[in-house]
Amino acid sequence: MSYRILSQDCLADNNSHATGLNNNDLIVGPSGAGKTRGYVLPNILQCSESFIVADTKNSLRAETEAVLRQNGYKVLSLDLCGGPSSGYNPLDYIRLDPKTNRHNEQDIMAVSAALIPIETPRDPFWEFSARIYLESIIGYVLESLPEEEHTMDSVVRLSREIGTGRLSKLMDELARRGIPLEMCPSSNLQTKAVGSLKDYPLRDYLNRGIRLTVNSDNMTVSDTWAGKEFALLSREYGLTEEEAVRLLNYAKEAAFEMQQE
């Protein structure tokens, strides 16, 4: 049985089934009148039940945490303003294969799917595209950043950097590790990843030594296929025959690598 302390010698039963009343209290008083000291702190320090506290002054945790922990409480803090905060990191649940030292791709896809649900079942093209985008960033964070940076904050920070021209380190990492990168010109234009083909970074990536492949993404939505994408690049981007051969060789190598895996 627990009670709320309303004032000296005045208690209210928390058992609403017995009282037939709700447990809401309205405490009215000007600033400095003692609302926290006279009502909030005494009720927290009773340690009689679990509760959620809105600590708008950011002082209640400091004043009560030690006592609460001594009484067996688990104290968690959710700070939406950037301070120390308890939280849930979904990347902690992505399994690492000890044999290959690589993270489970299905787990990465599951996290991405949970964060980007399908809202248009009849035509989920945009959701699927966003998922692939998120999966690639999560994969890079897990594979390339220090373990302490395996967080959604790193994912968000990296996503904001894409398109700013400040990802030179990431590009160098892709080239060094020989990781194939898919390029889908029509889809990239439709999703406004680039404003026009004159801004397309394909040639810049090739010059950096990154292994690229030209793909269609969604053939139905974009009304295209790989051959049509090459024609588009040749016609409007000035793709040379030498560059096309290089792209095709990269695609062949990447396909055989996936079969070996």
C-alpha atoms as a PDB file:
ATOM      1  CA  MET A   1       0.000   0.000   0.000  1.00  0.00           C
ATOM      2  CA  SER A   2       1.363   3.448  -0.925  1.00  0.00           C
ATOM      3  CA  TYR A   3       0.285   7.004  -0.292  1.00  0.00           C
ATOM      4  CA  ARG A   4       1.088  10.397  -1.752  1.00  0.00           C
ATOM      5  CA  ILE A   5       2.253  13.086   0.632  1.00  0.00           C
ATOM      6  CA  LEU A   6       0.125  16.168  -0.010  1.00  0.00           C
ATOM      7  CA  SER A   7       1.153  18.189   3.038  1.00  0.00           C
ATOM      8  CA  GLN A   8       2.058  17.662   6.668  1.00  0.00           C
ATOM      9  CA  ASP A   9      -0.234  14.945   8.105  1.00  0.00           C
ATOM     10  CA  CYS A  10      -2.221  14.840   4.839  1.00  0.00           C
ATOM     11  CA  LEU A  11      -1.893  11.715   2.691  1.00  0.00           C
ATOM     12  CA  ALA A  12      -3.769  10.382  -0.347  1.00  0.00           C
ATOM     13  CA  ASP A  13      -4.185   6.685  -1.076  1.00  0.00           C
ATOM     14  CA  ASN A  14      -2.662   5.683  -4.455  1.00  0.00           C
ATOM     15  CA  ASN A  15      -5.055   2.742  -4.793  1.00  0.00           C
ATOM     16  CA  SER A  16      -7.558   4.217  -7.237  1.00  0.00           C
ATOM     17  CA  HIS A  17      -9.585   0.977  -7.178  1.00  0.00           C
ATOM     18  CA  ALA A  18     -10.228   1.533  -3.482  1.00  0.00           C
ATOM     19  CA  THR A  19     -10.793   5.293  -3.592  1.00  0.00           C
ATOM     20  CA  GLY A  20     -12.611   5.514  -6.939  1.00  0.00           C
ATOM     21  CA  LEU A  21     -10.478   8.583  -7.697  1.00  0.00           C
ATOM     22  CA  ASN A  22      -7.638   9.232 -10.111  1.00  0.00           C
ATOM     23  CA  ASN A  23      -4.146   9.980  -8.830  1.00  0.00           C
ATOM     24  CA  ASN A  24      -3.681  13.413 -10.401  1.00  0.00           C
ATOM     25  CA  ASP A  25      -2.693  16.276  -8.099  1.00  0.00           C
ATOM     26  CA  LEU A  26      -2.649  19.950  -9.058  1.00  0.00           C
ATOM     27  CA  ILE A  27      -0.071  21.898  -7.054  1.00  0.00           C
ATOM     28  CA  VAL A  28      -0.434  25.666  -7.449  1.00  0.00           C
ATOM     29  CA  GLY A  29       2.175  28.123  -6.219  1.00  0.00           C
ATOM     30  CA  PRO A  30       4.504  30.873  -7.437  1.00  0.00           C
ATOM     31  CA  SER A  31       8.184  30.348  -8.161  1.00  0.00           C
ATOM     32  CA  GLY A  32      10.087  29.615  -4.966  1.00  0.00           C
ATOM     33  CA  ALA A  33       6.973  28.650  -2.973  1.00  0.00           C
ATOM     34  CA  GLY A  34       8.342  25.157  -2.305  1.00  0.00           C
ATOM     35  CA  LYS A  35       6.420  22.956  -4.748  1.00  0.00           C
ATOM     36  CA  THR A  36       9.479  20.814  -5.396  1.00  0.00           C
ATOM     37  CA  ARG A  37      10.660  20.786  -1.794  1.00  0.00           C
ATOM     38  CA  GLY A  38       7.232  20.245  -0.268  1.00  0.00           C
ATOM     39  CA  TYR A  39       5.623  17.824  -2.735  1.00  0.00           C
ATOM     40  CA  VAL A  40       7.920  16.400  -5.420  1.00  0.00           C
ATOM     41  CA  LEU A  41      10.973  15.435  -3.366  1.00  0.00           C
ATOM     42  CA  PRO A  42       9.090  13.858  -0.419  1.00  0.00           C
ATOM     43  CA  ASN A  43       7.045  11.664  -2.774  1.00  0.00           C
ATOM     44  CA  ILE A  44      10.086  10.542  -4.777  1.00  0.00           C
ATOM     45  CA  LEU A  45      12.086   9.774  -1.644  1.00  0.00           C
ATOM     46  CA  GLN A  46       9.334   7.539  -0.258  1.00  0.00           C
ATOM     47  CA  CYS A  47      10.693   4.902  -2.679  1.00  0.00           C
ATOM     48  CA  SER A  48       7.298   3.220  -2.640  1.00  0.00           C
ATOM     49  CA  GLU A  49       6.805   2.434  -6.349  1.00  0.00           C
ATOM     50  CA  SER A  50       8.117   2.938  -9.871  1.00  0.00           C
ATOM     51  CA  PHE A  51       7.604   6.341 -11.462  1.00  0.00           C
ATOM     52  CA  ILE A  52       8.518   8.671 -14.299  1.00  0.00           C
ATOM     53  CA  VAL A  53       9.667  12.176 -13.368  1.00  0.00           C
ATOM     54  CA  ALA A  54       9.825  15.202 -15.677  1.00  0.00           C
ATOM     55  CA  ASP A  55      12.976  16.912 -14.385  1.00  0.00           C
ATOM     56  CA  THR A  56      12.588  20.263 -16.124  1.00  0.00           C
ATOM     57  CA  LYS A  57      15.146  21.994 -13.881  1.00  0.00           C
ATOM     58  CA  ASN A  58      17.642  19.147 -14.300  1.00  0.00           C
ATOM     59  CA  SER A  59      18.108  18.955 -10.532  1.00  0.00           C
ATOM     60  CA  LEU A  60      15.901  16.125  -9.238  1.00  0.00           C
ATOM     61  CA  ARG A  61      18.135  13.302 -10.421  1.00  0.00           C
ATOM     62  CA  ALA A  62      21.176  14.810  -8.695  1.00  0.00           C
ATOM     63  CA  GLU A  63      19.219  15.195  -5.461  1.00  0.00           C
ATOM     64  CA  THR A  64      17.553  11.777  -5.391  1.00  0.00           C
ATOM     65  CA  GLU A  65      19.596   9.288  -7.437  1.00  0.00           C
ATOM     66  CA  ALA A  66      21.881   8.105  -4.606  1.00  0.00           C
ATOM     67  CA  VAL A  67      18.946   7.377  -2.274  1.00  0.00           C
ATOM     68  CA  LEU A  68      16.964   5.659  -5.009  1.00  0.00           C
ATOM     69  CA  ARG A  69      19.868   3.388  -5.935  1.00  0.00           C
ATOM     70  CA  GLN A  70      20.432   2.512  -2.284  1.00  0.00           C
ATOM     71  CA  ASN A  71      16.825   1.338  -2.218  1.00  0.00           C
ATOM     72  CA  GLY A  72      17.248  -0.897  -5.261  1.00  0.00           C
ATOM     73  CA  TYR A  73      15.998   1.448  -7.968  1.00  0.00           C
ATOM     74  CA  LYS A  74      17.379   1.457 -11.493  1.00  0.00           C
ATOM     75  CA  VAL A  75      17.621   5.131 -12.464  1.00  0.00           C
ATOM     76  CA  LEU A  76      17.518   6.017 -16.161  1.00  0.00           C
ATOM     77  CA  SER A  77      17.714   9.463 -17.738  1.00  0.00           C
ATOM     78  CA  LEU A  78      16.341  10.599 -21.099  1.00  0.00           C
ATOM     79  CA  ASP A  79      17.866  13.964 -21.998  1.00  0.00           C
ATOM     80  CA  LEU A  80      16.616  15.370 -25.316  1.00  0.00           C
ATOM     81  CA  CYS A  81      18.881  18.415 -25.072  1.00  0.00           C
ATOM     82  CA  GLY A  82      22.211  16.654 -25.527  1.00  0.00           C
ATOM     83  CA  GLY A  83      23.203  15.848 -21.939  1.00  0.00           C
ATOM     84  CA  PRO A  84      24.109  12.400 -20.530  1.00  0.00           C
ATOM     85  CA  SER A  85      21.235  10.115 -21.381  1.00  0.00           C
ATOM     86  CA  SER A  86      20.224   6.491 -21.139  1.00  0.00           C
ATOM     87  CA  GLY A  87      19.159   5.081 -24.451  1.00  0.00           C
ATOM     88  CA  TYR A  88      18.708   2.110 -26.740  1.00  0.00           C
ATOM     89  CA  ASN A  89      21.269   1.506 -29.459  1.00  0.00           C
ATOM     90  CA  PRO A  90      19.879  -0.869 -32.125  1.00  0.00           C
ATOM     91  CA  LEU A  91      23.371  -1.311 -33.591  1.00  0.00           C
ATOM     92  CA  ASP A  92      24.355  -3.226 -30.435  1.00  0.00           C
ATOM     93  CA  TYR A  93      22.096  -6.069 -31.583  1.00  0.00           C
ATOM     94  CA  ILE A  94      23.679  -6.548 -35.011  1.00  0.00           C
ATOM     95  CA  ARG A  95      25.621  -9.790 -34.768  1.00  0.00           C
ATOM     96  CA  LEU A  96      29.312 -10.075 -35.641  1.00  0.00           C
ATOM     97  CA  ASP A  97      30.477 -13.322 -37.251  1.00  0.00           C
ATOM     98  CA  PRO A  98      33.702 -14.262 -35.390  1.00  0.00           C
ATOM     99  CA  LYS A  99      34.921 -16.360 -38.328  1.00  0.00           C
ATOM    100  CA  THR A 100      34.701 -13.673 -40.993  1.00  0.00           C
ATOM    101  CA  ASN A 101      34.771 -10.672 -38.604  1.00  0.00           C
ATOM    102  CA  ARG A 102      31.887  -9.190 -40.575  1.00  0.00           C
ATOM    103  CA  HIS A 103      28.516  -7.987 -39.351  1.00  0.00           C
ATOM    104  CA  ASN A 104      25.365  -9.897 -40.223  1.00  0.00           C
ATOM    105  CA  GLU A 105      23.775  -8.328 -43.312  1.00  0.00           C
ATOM    106  CA  GLN A 106      20.307  -9.639 -42.434  1.00  0.00           C
ATOM    107  CA  ASP A 107      20.507  -7.881 -39.060  1.00  0.00           C
ATOM    108  CA  ILE A 108      21.495  -4.626 -40.767  1.00  0.00           C
ATOM    109  CA  MET A 109      18.541  -4.998 -43.135  1.00  0.00           C
ATOM    110  CA  ALA A 110      16.206  -5.719 -40.191  1.00  0.00           C
ATOM    111  CA  VAL A 111      17.301  -2.542 -38.368  1.00  0.00           C
ATOM    112  CA  SER A 112      16.851  -0.491 -41.542  1.00  0.00           C
ATOM    113  CA  ALA A 113      13.395  -1.972 -42.119  1.00  0.00           C
ATOM    114  CA  ALA A 114      12.356  -1.173 -38.540  1.00  0.00           C
ATOM    115  CA  LEU A 115      13.466   2.448 -38.911  1.00  0.00           C
ATOM    116  CA  ILE A 116      11.896   2.901 -42.357  1.00  0.00           C
ATOM    117  CA  PRO A 117       8.516   1.105 -42.431  1.00  0.00           C
ATOM    118  CA  ILE A 118       6.574   0.607 -45.649  1.00  0.00           C
ATOM    119  CA  GLU A 119       3.902   3.318 -45.772  1.00  0.00           C
ATOM    120  CA  THR A 120       2.864   2.867 -49.418  1.00  0.00           C
ATOM    121  CA  PRO A 121       2.450  -0.917 -49.910  1.00  0.00           C
ATOM    122  CA  ARG A 122       1.270  -0.543 -53.514  1.00  0.00           C
ATOM    123  CA  ASP A 123       4.444   1.259 -54.549  1.00  0.00           C
ATOM    124  CA  PRO A 124       7.173   0.959 -51.881  1.00  0.00           C
ATOM    125  CA  PHE A 125       9.963   2.082 -54.219  1.00  0.00           C
ATOM    126  CA  TRP A 126      10.968   5.119 -52.159  1.00  0.00           C
ATOM    127  CA  GLU A 127      10.959   3.252 -48.858  1.00  0.00           C
ATOM    128  CA  PHE A 128      13.099   0.473 -50.321  1.00  0.00           C
ATOM    129  CA  SER A 129      15.488   3.045 -51.774  1.00  0.00           C
ATOM    130  CA  ALA A 130      15.780   4.781 -48.400  1.00  0.00           C
ATOM    131  CA  ARG A 131      16.397   1.432 -46.707  1.00  0.00           C
ATOM    132  CA  ILE A 132      19.271   0.611 -49.065  1.00  0.00           C
ATOM    133  CA  TYR A 133      20.726   4.055 -48.411  1.00  0.00           C
ATOM    134  CA  LEU A 134      20.506   3.520 -44.642  1.00  0.00           C
ATOM    135  CA  GLU A 135      21.868  -0.037 -44.842  1.00  0.00           C
ATOM    136  CA  SER A 136      24.989   1.168 -46.632  1.00  0.00           C
ATOM    137  CA  ILE A 137      25.665   3.820 -43.992  1.00  0.00           C
ATOM    138  CA  ILE A 138      25.080   1.415 -41.085  1.00  0.00           C
ATOM    139  CA  GLY A 139      27.400  -1.110 -42.747  1.00  0.00           C
ATOM    140  CA  TYR A 140      30.138   1.485 -43.128  1.00  0.00           C
ATOM    141  CA  VAL A 141      29.784   2.638 -39.511  1.00  0.00           C
ATOM    142  CA  LEU A 142      30.079  -0.931 -38.212  1.00  0.00           C
ATOM    143  CA  GLU A 143      32.920  -1.977 -40.514  1.00  0.00           C
ATOM    144  CA  SER A 144      35.080   1.142 -40.480  1.00  0.00           C
ATOM    145  CA  LEU A 145      34.531   3.233 -37.365  1.00  0.00           C
ATOM    146  CA  PRO A 146      35.857   2.494 -33.849  1.00  0.00           C
ATOM    147  CA  GLU A 147      33.532   0.399 -31.686  1.00  0.00           C
ATOM    148  CA  GLU A 148      32.672   3.348 -29.437  1.00  0.00           C
ATOM    149  CA  GLU A 149      31.254   5.102 -32.518  1.00  0.00           C
ATOM    150  CA  HIS A 150      28.911   2.245 -33.482  1.00  0.00           C
ATOM    151  CA  THR A 151      25.861   4.369 -32.737  1.00  0.00           C
ATOM    152  CA  MET A 152      22.910   5.870 -34.563  1.00  0.00           C
ATOM    153  CA  ASP A 153      24.483   9.264 -33.910  1.00  0.00           C
ATOM    154  CA  SER A 154      27.370   8.238 -36.189  1.00  0.00           C
ATOM    155  CA  VAL A 155      24.870   7.038 -38.802  1.00  0.00           C
ATOM    156  CA  VAL A 156      23.027  10.373 -38.733  1.00  0.00           C
ATOM    157  CA  ARG A 157      26.242  12.374 -38.797  1.00  0.00           C
ATOM    158  CA  LEU A 158      27.569  10.425 -41.775  1.00  0.00           C
ATOM    159  CA  SER A 159      24.284  10.728 -43.678  1.00  0.00           C
ATOM    160  CA  ARG A 160      24.445  14.505 -43.305  1.00  0.00           C
ATOM    161  CA  GLU A 161      27.960  14.533 -44.762  1.00  0.00           C
ATOM    162  CA  ILE A 162      26.921  12.726 -47.938  1.00  0.00           C
ATOM    163  CA  GLY A 163      26.732  15.152 -50.817  1.00  0.00           C
ATOM    164  CA  THR A 164      28.764  17.835 -49.040  1.00  0.00           C
ATOM    165  CA  GLY A 165      32.065  16.888 -50.677  1.00  0.00           C
ATOM    166  CA  ARG A 166      33.680  16.232 -47.290  1.00  0.00           C
ATOM    167  CA  LEU A 167      33.725  12.441 -47.555  1.00  0.00           C
ATOM    168  CA  SER A 168      37.186  12.126 -49.075  1.00  0.00           C
ATOM    169  CA  LYS A 169      38.258   9.710 -46.323  1.00  0.00           C
ATOM    170  CA  LEU A 170      35.309   7.430 -47.070  1.00  0.00           C
ATOM    171  CA  MET A 171      36.094   7.453 -50.788  1.00  0.00           C
ATOM    172  CA  ASP A 172      39.729   6.585 -50.078  1.00  0.00           C
ATOM    173  CA  GLU A 173      38.579   3.741 -47.829  1.00  0.00           C
ATOM    174  CA  LEU A 174      36.353   2.313 -50.563  1.00  0.00           C
ATOM    175  CA  ALA A 175      39.229   2.422 -53.045  1.00  0.00           C
ATOM    176  CA  ARG A 176      41.740   0.918 -50.606  1.00  0.00           C
ATOM    177  CA  ARG A 177      39.484  -1.995 -49.698  1.00  0.00           C
ATOM    178  CA  GLY A 178      38.280  -2.564 -53.259  1.00  0.00           C
ATOM    179  CA  ILE A 179      34.610  -2.355 -52.246  1.00  0.00           C
ATOM    180  CA  PRO A 180      32.301  -2.245 -55.317  1.00  0.00           C
ATOM    181  CA  LEU A 181      29.931   0.713 -55.425  1.00  0.00           C
ATOM    182  CA  GLU A 182      26.703   0.594 -57.438  1.00  0.00           C
ATOM    183  CA  MET A 183      25.792   3.614 -59.562  1.00  0.00           C
ATOM    184  CA  CYS A 184      22.186   3.949 -60.775  1.00  0.00           C
ATOM    185  CA  PRO A 185      22.015   7.118 -62.938  1.00  0.00           C
ATOM    186  CA  SER A 186      18.262   7.185 -63.707  1.00  0.00           C
ATOM    187  CA  SER A 187      17.283   6.399 -60.130  1.00  0.00           C
ATOM    188  CA  ASN A 188      19.786   8.928 -58.764  1.00  0.00           C
ATOM    189  CA  LEU A 189      18.229  11.614 -60.955  1.00  0.00           C
ATOM    190  CA  GLN A 190      14.668  10.644 -59.982  1.00  0.00           C
ATOM    191  CA  THR A 191      15.441  10.650 -56.255  1.00  0.00           C
ATOM    192  CA  LYS A 192      17.335  13.950 -56.680  1.00  0.00           C
ATOM    193  CA  ALA A 193      20.537  12.472 -55.277  1.00  0.00           C
ATOM    194  CA  VAL A 194      22.084  14.601 -58.046  1.00  0.00           C
ATOM    195  CA  GLY A 195      20.544  17.586 -59.789  1.00  0.00           C
ATOM    196  CA  SER A 196      21.718  16.620 -63.271  1.00  0.00           C
ATOM    197  CA  LEU A 197      24.141  14.268 -64.978  1.00  0.00           C
ATOM    198  CA  LYS A 198      26.711  17.028 -65.324  1.00  0.00           C
ATOM    199  CA  ASP A 199      27.033  16.832 -61.529  1.00  0.00           C
ATOM    200  CA  TYR A 200      27.248  13.030 -61.521  1.00  0.00           C
ATOM    201  CA  PRO A 201      30.333  11.876 -59.540  1.00  0.00           C
ATOM    202  CA  LEU A 202      30.925   8.657 -61.535  1.00  0.00           C
ATOM    203  CA  ARG A 203      34.093   9.860 -63.283  1.00  0.00           C
ATOM    204  CA  ASP A 204      35.458  11.372 -60.076  1.00  0.00           C
ATOM    205  CA  TYR A 205      34.962   8.053 -58.291  1.00  0.00           C
ATOM    206  CA  LEU A 206      36.654   6.155 -61.129  1.00  0.00           C
ATOM    207  CA  ASN A 207      39.623   8.504 -60.989  1.00  0.00           C
ATOM    208  CA  ARG A 208      39.898   7.805 -57.269  1.00  0.00           C
ATOM    209  CA  GLY A 209      40.273   4.108 -58.037  1.00  0.00           C
ATOM    210  CA  ILE A 210      36.859   3.055 -56.726  1.00  0.00           C
ATOM    211  CA  ARG A 211      35.388  -0.055 -58.342  1.00  0.00           C
ATOM    212  CA  LEU A 212      32.041   1.011 -59.794  1.00  0.00           C
ATOM    213  CA  THR A 213      29.203  -0.873 -61.451  1.00  0.00           C
ATOM    214  CA  VAL A 214      26.335   0.639 -63.446  1.00  0.00           C
ATOM    215  CA  ASN A 215      22.934  -0.686 -62.370  1.00  0.00           C
ATOM    216  CA  SER A 216      19.254  -0.090 -63.051  1.00  0.00           C
ATOM    217  CA  ASP A 217      18.027  -0.052 -59.403  1.00  0.00           C
ATOM    218  CA  ASN A 218      14.267  -0.558 -59.939  1.00  0.00           C
ATOM    219  CA  MET A 219      13.723  -1.502 -63.573  1.00  0.00           C
ATOM    220  CA  THR A 220       9.927  -1.074 -63.428  1.00  0.00           C
ATOM    221  CA  VAL A 221       9.734   2.305 -61.683  1.00  0.00           C
ATOM    222  CA  SER A 222      12.663   3.823 -63.590  1.00  0.00           C
ATOM    223  CA  ASP A 223      11.679   2.103 -66.874  1.00  0.00           C
ATOM    224  CA  THR A 224      15.268   1.145 -67.541  1.00  0.00           C
ATOM    225  CA  TRP A 225      17.849  -1.637 -67.618  1.00  0.00           C
ATOM    226  CA  ALA A 226      21.649  -1.751 -67.510  1.00  0.00           C
ATOM    227  CA  GLY A 227      22.069  -1.265 -71.249  1.00  0.00           C
ATOM    228  CA  LYS A 228      19.805   1.773 -71.198  1.00  0.00           C
ATOM    229  CA  GLU A 229      21.804   3.240 -68.304  1.00  0.00           C
ATOM    230  CA  PHE A 230      25.039   2.909 -70.280  1.00  0.00           C
ATOM    231  CA  ALA A 231      23.370   4.586 -73.263  1.00  0.00           C
ATOM    232  CA  LEU A 232      22.215   7.446 -71.037  1.00  0.00           C
ATOM    233  CA  LEU A 233      25.719   7.930 -69.656  1.00  0.00           C
ATOM    234  CA  SER A 234      27.240   7.810 -73.137  1.00  0.00           C
ATOM    235  CA  ARG A 235      24.724  10.261 -74.593  1.00  0.00           C
ATOM    236  CA  GLU A 236      24.395  12.818 -71.797  1.00  0.00           C
ATOM    237  CA  TYR A 237      27.479  12.291 -69.628  1.00  0.00           C
ATOM    238  CA  GLY A 238      30.108  11.647 -72.271  1.00  0.00           C
ATOM    239  CA  LEU A 239      31.063   8.216 -70.985  1.00  0.00           C
ATOM    240  CA  THR A 240      33.973   6.959 -73.069  1.00  0.00           C
ATOM    241  CA  GLU A 241      34.413   3.442 -74.435  1.00  0.00           C
ATOM    242  CA  GLU A 242      37.425   2.941 -72.179  1.00  0.00           C
ATOM    243  CA  GLU A 243      35.390   3.932 -69.123  1.00  0.00           C
ATOM    244  CA  ALA A 244      32.523   1.638 -70.164  1.00  0.00           C
ATOM    245  CA  VAL A 245      34.861  -1.344 -70.498  1.00  0.00           C
ATOM    246  CA  ARG A 246      36.331  -0.581 -67.109  1.00  0.00           C
ATOM    247  CA  LEU A 247      32.872  -0.467 -65.543  1.00  0.00           C
ATOM    248  CA  LEU A 248      31.862  -3.761 -67.152  1.00  0.00           C
ATOM    249  CA  ASN A 249      35.033  -5.460 -65.899  1.00  0.00           C
ATOM    250  CA  TYR A 250      34.352  -4.195 -62.386  1.00  0.00           C
ATOM    251  CA  ALA A 251      30.803  -5.560 -62.608  1.00  0.00           C
ATOM    252  CA  LYS A 252      32.067  -8.985 -63.717  1.00  0.00           C
ATOM    253  CA  GLU A 253      34.600  -9.112 -60.875  1.00  0.00           C
ATOM    254  CA  ALA A 254      32.004  -8.059 -58.275  1.00  0.00           C
ATOM    255  CA  ALA A 255      29.511 -10.677 -59.504  1.00  0.00           C
ATOM    256  CA  PHE A 256      32.036 -13.500 -59.153  1.00  0.00           C
ATOM    257  CA  GLU A 257      33.060 -12.254 -55.699  1.00  0.00           C
ATOM    258  CA  MET A 258      29.420 -12.459 -54.529  1.00  0.00           C
ATOM    259  CA  GLN A 259      29.151 -16.019 -55.900  1.00  0.00           C
ATOM    260  CA  GLN A 260      32.271 -17.037 -53.976  1.00  0.00           C
ATOM    261  CA  GLU A 261      30.824 -15.616 -50.754  1.00  0.00           C
END
